Amino acid sequence: MLTKNKEKYRPPTVEEILQYRLRRADFEWSTNAEGLVEIKVPKFNGNLGKSFCKIIKKENIFTANMDKLGSLVWKNCDGNNTVKQILEIIKKEFPEEKNIDQRFFSFIQQMGSLNYIDY
């Protein structure tokens, strides 16, 4: 963490990360017939990109399709559940899955870097 004394950045500990409350970005989303999440994500946020889409007559939206794990995580990123709580939920849902915690942490890291979720 960066402090007022301008100390070096210290990455959060695992215990700190487990207490983060994950929130979905404000994207339109729905579930398909199989119960998997489909997220509507804008391709461009700036006027130039939006104008380009209009010129080539393409939508400024693409659909991000989640798998079972991603769908379960997305549905639980409501700002109320902590990382620890979501991890417990997916471990119950996928008891036979190997390395589920590593997959989960990789997934939320990627989703965070894409600005799909925040904490």
N, C-alpha and C. Protein backbone atom coordinates (compact mmCIF):
# COMPACT_ATOMS: atom_id res chain seq x y z
N MET A 1 0.83 -1.18 0.00
CA MET A 1 0.00 0.00 0.00
C MET A 1 0.88 1.25 0.00
N LEU A 2 0.41 2.29 -0.64
CA LEU A 2 1.12 3.55 -0.66
C LEU A 2 0.63 4.38 0.52
N THR A 3 1.55 4.91 1.29
CA THR A 3 1.15 5.67 2.47
C THR A 3 1.50 7.13 2.29
N LYS A 4 1.08 7.96 3.24
CA LYS A 4 1.35 9.39 3.19
C LYS A 4 2.84 9.71 3.22
N ASN A 5 3.63 8.84 3.84
CA ASN A 5 5.06 9.06 3.93
C ASN A 5 5.79 8.66 2.65
N LYS A 6 5.04 8.33 1.62
CA LYS A 6 5.59 7.93 0.33
C LYS A 6 6.52 6.73 0.45
N GLU A 7 6.11 5.79 1.30
CA GLU A 7 6.86 4.55 1.41
C GLU A 7 6.65 3.74 0.14
N LYS A 8 7.47 2.74 -0.04
CA LYS A 8 7.34 1.89 -1.21
C LYS A 8 6.01 1.15 -1.19
N TYR A 9 5.55 0.84 -2.37
CA TYR A 9 4.32 0.07 -2.52
C TYR A 9 4.50 -1.31 -1.91
N ARG A 10 3.53 -1.72 -1.14
CA ARG A 10 3.52 -3.06 -0.56
C ARG A 10 2.30 -3.78 -1.09
N PRO A 11 2.52 -4.86 -1.81
CA PRO A 11 1.35 -5.60 -2.31
C PRO A 11 0.51 -6.11 -1.15
N PRO A 12 -0.79 -6.24 -1.37
CA PRO A 12 -1.65 -6.73 -0.28
C PRO A 12 -1.32 -8.17 0.06
N THR A 13 -1.54 -8.51 1.30
CA THR A 13 -1.34 -9.89 1.74
C THR A 13 -2.54 -10.72 1.29
N VAL A 14 -2.40 -12.02 1.34
CA VAL A 14 -3.49 -12.92 0.99
C VAL A 14 -4.69 -12.65 1.90
N GLU A 15 -4.43 -12.46 3.18
CA GLU A 15 -5.51 -12.20 4.13
C GLU A 15 -6.25 -10.92 3.77
N GLU A 16 -5.52 -9.89 3.33
CA GLU A 16 -6.17 -8.63 2.92
C GLU A 16 -7.01 -8.85 1.66
N ILE A 17 -6.48 -9.58 0.70
CA ILE A 17 -7.21 -9.84 -0.54
C ILE A 17 -8.49 -10.61 -0.25
N LEU A 18 -8.44 -11.57 0.65
CA LEU A 18 -9.62 -12.37 0.98
C LEU A 18 -10.75 -11.53 1.56
N GLN A 19 -10.43 -10.34 2.08
CA GLN A 19 -11.45 -9.48 2.66
C GLN A 19 -12.03 -8.47 1.66
N TYR A 20 -11.45 -8.37 0.46
CA TYR A 20 -11.97 -7.45 -0.55
C TYR A 20 -13.40 -7.85 -0.91
N ARG A 21 -14.23 -6.86 -1.14
CA ARG A 21 -15.60 -7.08 -1.60
C ARG A 21 -15.63 -6.77 -3.09
N LEU A 22 -15.89 -7.79 -3.88
CA LEU A 22 -15.86 -7.64 -5.33
C LEU A 22 -17.19 -7.08 -5.85
N ARG A 23 -17.07 -6.12 -6.79
CA ARG A 23 -18.24 -5.49 -7.42
C ARG A 23 -18.11 -5.60 -8.93
N ARG A 24 -19.20 -5.97 -9.58
CA ARG A 24 -19.25 -5.98 -11.04
C ARG A 24 -19.22 -4.55 -11.55
N ALA A 25 -18.63 -4.37 -12.72
CA ALA A 25 -18.73 -3.08 -13.40
C ALA A 25 -20.17 -2.92 -13.88
N ASP A 26 -20.52 -1.72 -14.22
CA ASP A 26 -21.91 -1.42 -14.61
C ASP A 26 -22.14 -1.76 -16.08
N PHE A 27 -22.00 -3.03 -16.42
CA PHE A 27 -22.26 -3.51 -17.77
C PHE A 27 -23.61 -4.21 -17.78
N GLU A 28 -24.28 -4.14 -18.92
CA GLU A 28 -25.50 -4.91 -19.09
C GLU A 28 -25.10 -6.38 -19.19
N TRP A 29 -25.84 -7.25 -18.51
CA TRP A 29 -25.54 -8.67 -18.59
C TRP A 29 -26.80 -9.48 -18.40
N SER A 30 -26.73 -10.72 -18.85
CA SER A 30 -27.86 -11.63 -18.74
C SER A 30 -27.33 -13.05 -18.69
N THR A 31 -28.24 -14.00 -18.48
CA THR A 31 -27.84 -15.40 -18.52
C THR A 31 -28.54 -16.05 -19.70
N ASN A 32 -27.84 -16.98 -20.33
CA ASN A 32 -28.42 -17.68 -21.47
C ASN A 32 -29.20 -18.91 -20.98
N ALA A 33 -29.66 -19.72 -21.92
CA ALA A 33 -30.48 -20.89 -21.59
C ALA A 33 -29.75 -21.89 -20.69
N GLU A 34 -28.42 -21.95 -20.80
CA GLU A 34 -27.63 -22.86 -19.96
C GLU A 34 -27.29 -22.26 -18.59
N GLY A 35 -27.71 -21.02 -18.36
CA GLY A 35 -27.42 -20.35 -17.09
C GLY A 35 -26.06 -19.67 -17.06
N LEU A 36 -25.40 -19.58 -18.22
CA LEU A 36 -24.10 -18.93 -18.29
C LEU A 36 -24.27 -17.44 -18.55
N VAL A 37 -23.39 -16.65 -17.95
CA VAL A 37 -23.47 -15.20 -18.03
C VAL A 37 -22.91 -14.70 -19.36
N GLU A 38 -23.62 -13.72 -19.93
CA GLU A 38 -23.19 -13.02 -21.13
C GLU A 38 -23.15 -11.53 -20.79
N ILE A 39 -21.96 -10.94 -20.90
CA ILE A 39 -21.76 -9.54 -20.52
C ILE A 39 -21.62 -8.70 -21.79
N LYS A 40 -22.39 -7.62 -21.87
CA LYS A 40 -22.31 -6.69 -23.00
C LYS A 40 -21.29 -5.62 -22.64
N VAL A 41 -20.18 -5.60 -23.38
CA VAL A 41 -19.07 -4.70 -23.06
C VAL A 41 -18.85 -3.73 -24.22
N PRO A 42 -18.75 -2.42 -23.94
CA PRO A 42 -18.47 -1.47 -25.02
C PRO A 42 -17.06 -1.68 -25.58
N LYS A 43 -16.95 -1.64 -26.91
CA LYS A 43 -15.64 -1.74 -27.54
C LYS A 43 -14.84 -0.46 -27.31
N PHE A 44 -15.52 0.66 -27.43
CA PHE A 44 -14.87 1.96 -27.29
C PHE A 44 -15.67 2.83 -26.33
N ASN A 45 -14.97 3.65 -25.56
CA ASN A 45 -15.63 4.61 -24.69
C ASN A 45 -15.53 6.03 -25.23
N GLY A 46 -14.49 6.27 -26.05
CA GLY A 46 -14.28 7.61 -26.60
C GLY A 46 -15.13 7.86 -27.83
N ASN A 47 -15.29 9.14 -28.15
CA ASN A 47 -16.12 9.54 -29.28
C ASN A 47 -15.56 9.05 -30.61
N LEU A 48 -14.23 9.02 -30.76
CA LEU A 48 -13.62 8.59 -32.01
C LEU A 48 -13.99 7.14 -32.32
N GLY A 49 -13.83 6.26 -31.34
CA GLY A 49 -14.17 4.86 -31.52
C GLY A 49 -15.65 4.65 -31.78
N LYS A 50 -16.47 5.37 -31.04
CA LYS A 50 -17.92 5.26 -31.25
C LYS A 50 -18.30 5.72 -32.65
N SER A 51 -17.68 6.81 -33.11
CA SER A 51 -17.95 7.32 -34.46
C SER A 51 -17.50 6.32 -35.51
N PHE A 52 -16.35 5.71 -35.29
CA PHE A 52 -15.84 4.72 -36.22
C PHE A 52 -16.82 3.57 -36.37
N CYS A 53 -17.37 3.10 -35.25
CA CYS A 53 -18.36 2.01 -35.31
C CYS A 53 -19.59 2.42 -36.11
N LYS A 54 -20.01 3.68 -35.96
CA LYS A 54 -21.16 4.15 -36.72
C LYS A 54 -20.85 4.18 -38.21
N ILE A 55 -19.64 4.63 -38.55
CA ILE A 55 -19.26 4.73 -39.96
C ILE A 55 -19.25 3.36 -40.62
N ILE A 56 -18.70 2.36 -39.93
CA ILE A 56 -18.63 1.02 -40.53
C ILE A 56 -19.88 0.20 -40.23
N LYS A 57 -20.85 0.83 -39.59
CA LYS A 57 -22.15 0.22 -39.30
C LYS A 57 -22.02 -1.06 -38.48
N LYS A 58 -21.22 -0.97 -37.43
CA LYS A 58 -21.04 -2.07 -36.48
C LYS A 58 -21.43 -1.56 -35.10
N GLU A 59 -21.91 -2.48 -34.27
CA GLU A 59 -22.24 -2.10 -32.90
C GLU A 59 -20.96 -1.81 -32.12
N ASN A 60 -21.08 -0.94 -31.15
CA ASN A 60 -19.96 -0.60 -30.27
C ASN A 60 -19.94 -1.54 -29.06
N ILE A 61 -20.53 -2.70 -29.19
CA ILE A 61 -20.66 -3.65 -28.08
C ILE A 61 -20.18 -5.02 -28.54
N PHE A 62 -19.51 -5.72 -27.65
CA PHE A 62 -19.24 -7.13 -27.89
C PHE A 62 -19.73 -7.89 -26.67
N THR A 63 -19.94 -9.18 -26.85
CA THR A 63 -20.45 -10.01 -25.77
C THR A 63 -19.32 -10.87 -25.21
N ALA A 64 -19.08 -10.76 -23.92
CA ALA A 64 -18.11 -11.61 -23.23
C ALA A 64 -18.90 -12.77 -22.63
N ASN A 65 -18.61 -13.97 -23.09
CA ASN A 65 -19.32 -15.16 -22.63
C ASN A 65 -18.53 -15.85 -21.53
N MET A 66 -19.13 -16.00 -20.38
CA MET A 66 -18.48 -16.64 -19.25
C MET A 66 -18.74 -18.15 -19.25
N ASP A 67 -17.78 -18.90 -18.72
CA ASP A 67 -17.99 -20.33 -18.51
C ASP A 67 -18.69 -20.51 -17.16
N LYS A 68 -18.81 -21.75 -16.70
CA LYS A 68 -19.52 -22.01 -15.44
C LYS A 68 -18.87 -21.30 -14.26
N LEU A 69 -17.54 -21.40 -14.17
CA LEU A 69 -16.83 -20.74 -13.07
C LEU A 69 -17.00 -19.23 -13.15
N GLY A 70 -16.74 -18.67 -14.33
CA GLY A 70 -16.86 -17.23 -14.51
C GLY A 70 -18.26 -16.73 -14.22
N SER A 71 -19.26 -17.49 -14.64
CA SER A 71 -20.65 -17.10 -14.40
C SER A 71 -20.97 -17.07 -12.91
N LEU A 72 -20.50 -18.09 -12.20
CA LEU A 72 -20.75 -18.15 -10.76
C LEU A 72 -20.06 -16.99 -10.05
N VAL A 73 -18.84 -16.71 -10.44
CA VAL A 73 -18.10 -15.59 -9.82
C VAL A 73 -18.81 -14.28 -10.13
N TRP A 74 -19.15 -14.05 -11.41
CA TRP A 74 -19.80 -12.80 -11.82
C TRP A 74 -21.09 -12.56 -11.04
N LYS A 75 -21.90 -13.59 -10.92
CA LYS A 75 -23.17 -13.45 -10.21
C LYS A 75 -22.96 -13.08 -8.73
N ASN A 76 -21.83 -13.48 -8.17
CA ASN A 76 -21.57 -13.22 -6.75
C ASN A 76 -20.75 -11.96 -6.50
N CYS A 77 -20.34 -11.27 -7.55
CA CYS A 77 -19.60 -10.02 -7.40
C CYS A 77 -20.59 -8.86 -7.28
N ASP A 78 -21.34 -8.87 -6.20
CA ASP A 78 -22.40 -7.89 -5.99
C ASP A 78 -22.02 -6.77 -5.02
N GLY A 79 -20.77 -6.77 -4.58
CA GLY A 79 -20.33 -5.76 -3.62
C GLY A 79 -20.57 -6.17 -2.18
N ASN A 80 -21.30 -7.26 -1.97
CA ASN A 80 -21.58 -7.75 -0.63
C ASN A 80 -20.65 -8.90 -0.25
N ASN A 81 -20.34 -9.75 -1.21
CA ASN A 81 -19.52 -10.93 -0.95
C ASN A 81 -18.03 -10.59 -0.99
N THR A 82 -17.31 -11.14 -0.04
CA THR A 82 -15.86 -10.98 -0.05
C THR A 82 -15.24 -12.04 -0.96
N VAL A 83 -13.97 -11.85 -1.29
CA VAL A 83 -13.24 -12.84 -2.08
C VAL A 83 -13.30 -14.19 -1.37
N LYS A 84 -13.13 -14.18 -0.06
CA LYS A 84 -13.16 -15.43 0.71
C LYS A 84 -14.51 -16.12 0.58
N GLN A 85 -15.60 -15.37 0.68
CA GLN A 85 -16.93 -15.94 0.58
C GLN A 85 -17.18 -16.53 -0.81
N ILE A 86 -16.75 -15.81 -1.85
CA ILE A 86 -16.93 -16.31 -3.22
C ILE A 86 -16.09 -17.57 -3.42
N LEU A 87 -14.88 -17.59 -2.88
CA LEU A 87 -14.03 -18.77 -2.98
C LEU A 87 -14.70 -19.98 -2.33
N GLU A 88 -15.33 -19.78 -1.18
CA GLU A 88 -16.05 -20.87 -0.50
C GLU A 88 -17.22 -21.36 -1.35
N ILE A 89 -17.92 -20.44 -2.00
CA ILE A 89 -19.06 -20.79 -2.86
C ILE A 89 -18.59 -21.65 -4.03
N ILE A 90 -17.50 -21.25 -4.69
CA ILE A 90 -17.06 -22.02 -5.86
C ILE A 90 -16.46 -23.36 -5.46
N LYS A 91 -15.85 -23.43 -4.27
CA LYS A 91 -15.33 -24.72 -3.81
C LYS A 91 -16.47 -25.70 -3.56
N LYS A 92 -17.59 -25.21 -3.07
CA LYS A 92 -18.76 -26.07 -2.86
C LYS A 92 -19.37 -26.49 -4.19
N GLU A 93 -19.40 -25.56 -5.15
CA GLU A 93 -20.02 -25.83 -6.45
C GLU A 93 -19.15 -26.75 -7.32
N PHE A 94 -17.83 -26.65 -7.17
CA PHE A 94 -16.90 -27.44 -7.99
C PHE A 94 -15.96 -28.25 -7.09
N PRO A 95 -16.50 -29.19 -6.31
CA PRO A 95 -15.66 -29.91 -5.34
C PRO A 95 -14.59 -30.80 -5.97
N GLU A 96 -14.80 -31.26 -7.18
CA GLU A 96 -13.85 -32.15 -7.84
C GLU A 96 -12.78 -31.41 -8.63
N GLU A 97 -12.97 -30.12 -8.81
CA GLU A 97 -12.09 -29.31 -9.65
C GLU A 97 -10.74 -29.10 -8.98
N LYS A 98 -9.67 -29.42 -9.71
CA LYS A 98 -8.32 -29.24 -9.17
C LYS A 98 -7.88 -27.79 -9.37
N ASN A 99 -7.12 -27.29 -8.43
CA ASN A 99 -6.55 -25.93 -8.49
C ASN A 99 -7.61 -24.85 -8.67
N ILE A 100 -8.78 -25.06 -8.12
CA ILE A 100 -9.88 -24.11 -8.30
C ILE A 100 -9.53 -22.75 -7.69
N ASP A 101 -8.81 -22.74 -6.58
CA ASP A 101 -8.45 -21.46 -5.97
C ASP A 101 -7.50 -20.68 -6.87
N GLN A 102 -6.54 -21.36 -7.51
CA GLN A 102 -5.62 -20.68 -8.43
C GLN A 102 -6.37 -20.15 -9.65
N ARG A 103 -7.30 -20.95 -10.18
CA ARG A 103 -8.10 -20.50 -11.32
C ARG A 103 -8.93 -19.28 -10.93
N PHE A 104 -9.50 -19.33 -9.74
CA PHE A 104 -10.32 -18.21 -9.27
C PHE A 104 -9.50 -16.94 -9.15
N PHE A 105 -8.33 -17.02 -8.52
CA PHE A 105 -7.50 -15.83 -8.34
C PHE A 105 -7.01 -15.29 -9.68
N SER A 106 -6.67 -16.17 -10.60
CA SER A 106 -6.27 -15.73 -11.94
C SER A 106 -7.43 -15.04 -12.65
N PHE A 107 -8.62 -15.61 -12.49
CA PHE A 107 -9.80 -15.05 -13.12
C PHE A 107 -10.10 -13.65 -12.59
N ILE A 108 -10.11 -13.49 -11.26
CA ILE A 108 -10.45 -12.15 -10.74
C ILE A 108 -9.34 -11.14 -11.04
N GLN A 109 -8.10 -11.59 -11.14
CA GLN A 109 -7.02 -10.69 -11.52
C GLN A 109 -7.24 -10.20 -12.96
N GLN A 110 -7.57 -11.13 -13.85
CA GLN A 110 -7.82 -10.76 -15.24
C GLN A 110 -9.05 -9.87 -15.35
N MET A 111 -10.11 -10.21 -14.65
CA MET A 111 -11.33 -9.39 -14.68
C MET A 111 -11.07 -7.99 -14.13
N GLY A 112 -10.22 -7.91 -13.12
CA GLY A 112 -9.85 -6.61 -12.58
C GLY A 112 -9.04 -5.80 -13.56
N SER A 113 -8.10 -6.43 -14.24
CA SER A 113 -7.26 -5.70 -15.20
C SER A 113 -8.07 -5.23 -16.41
N LEU A 114 -9.16 -5.92 -16.72
CA LEU A 114 -10.06 -5.49 -17.80
C LEU A 114 -11.12 -4.49 -17.32
N ASN A 115 -11.10 -4.19 -16.04
CA ASN A 115 -12.07 -3.29 -15.42
C ASN A 115 -13.49 -3.82 -15.47
N TYR A 116 -13.64 -5.16 -15.44
CA TYR A 116 -14.96 -5.78 -15.37
C TYR A 116 -15.42 -5.86 -13.93
N ILE A 117 -14.48 -5.97 -12.98
CA ILE A 117 -14.80 -5.99 -11.56
C ILE A 117 -13.88 -5.01 -10.84
N ASP A 118 -14.31 -4.64 -9.67
CA ASP A 118 -13.55 -3.71 -8.82
C ASP A 118 -13.73 -4.17 -7.38
N TYR A 119 -12.89 -3.68 -6.51
CA TYR A 119 -13.00 -4.01 -5.10
C TYR A 119 -12.68 -2.80 -4.25
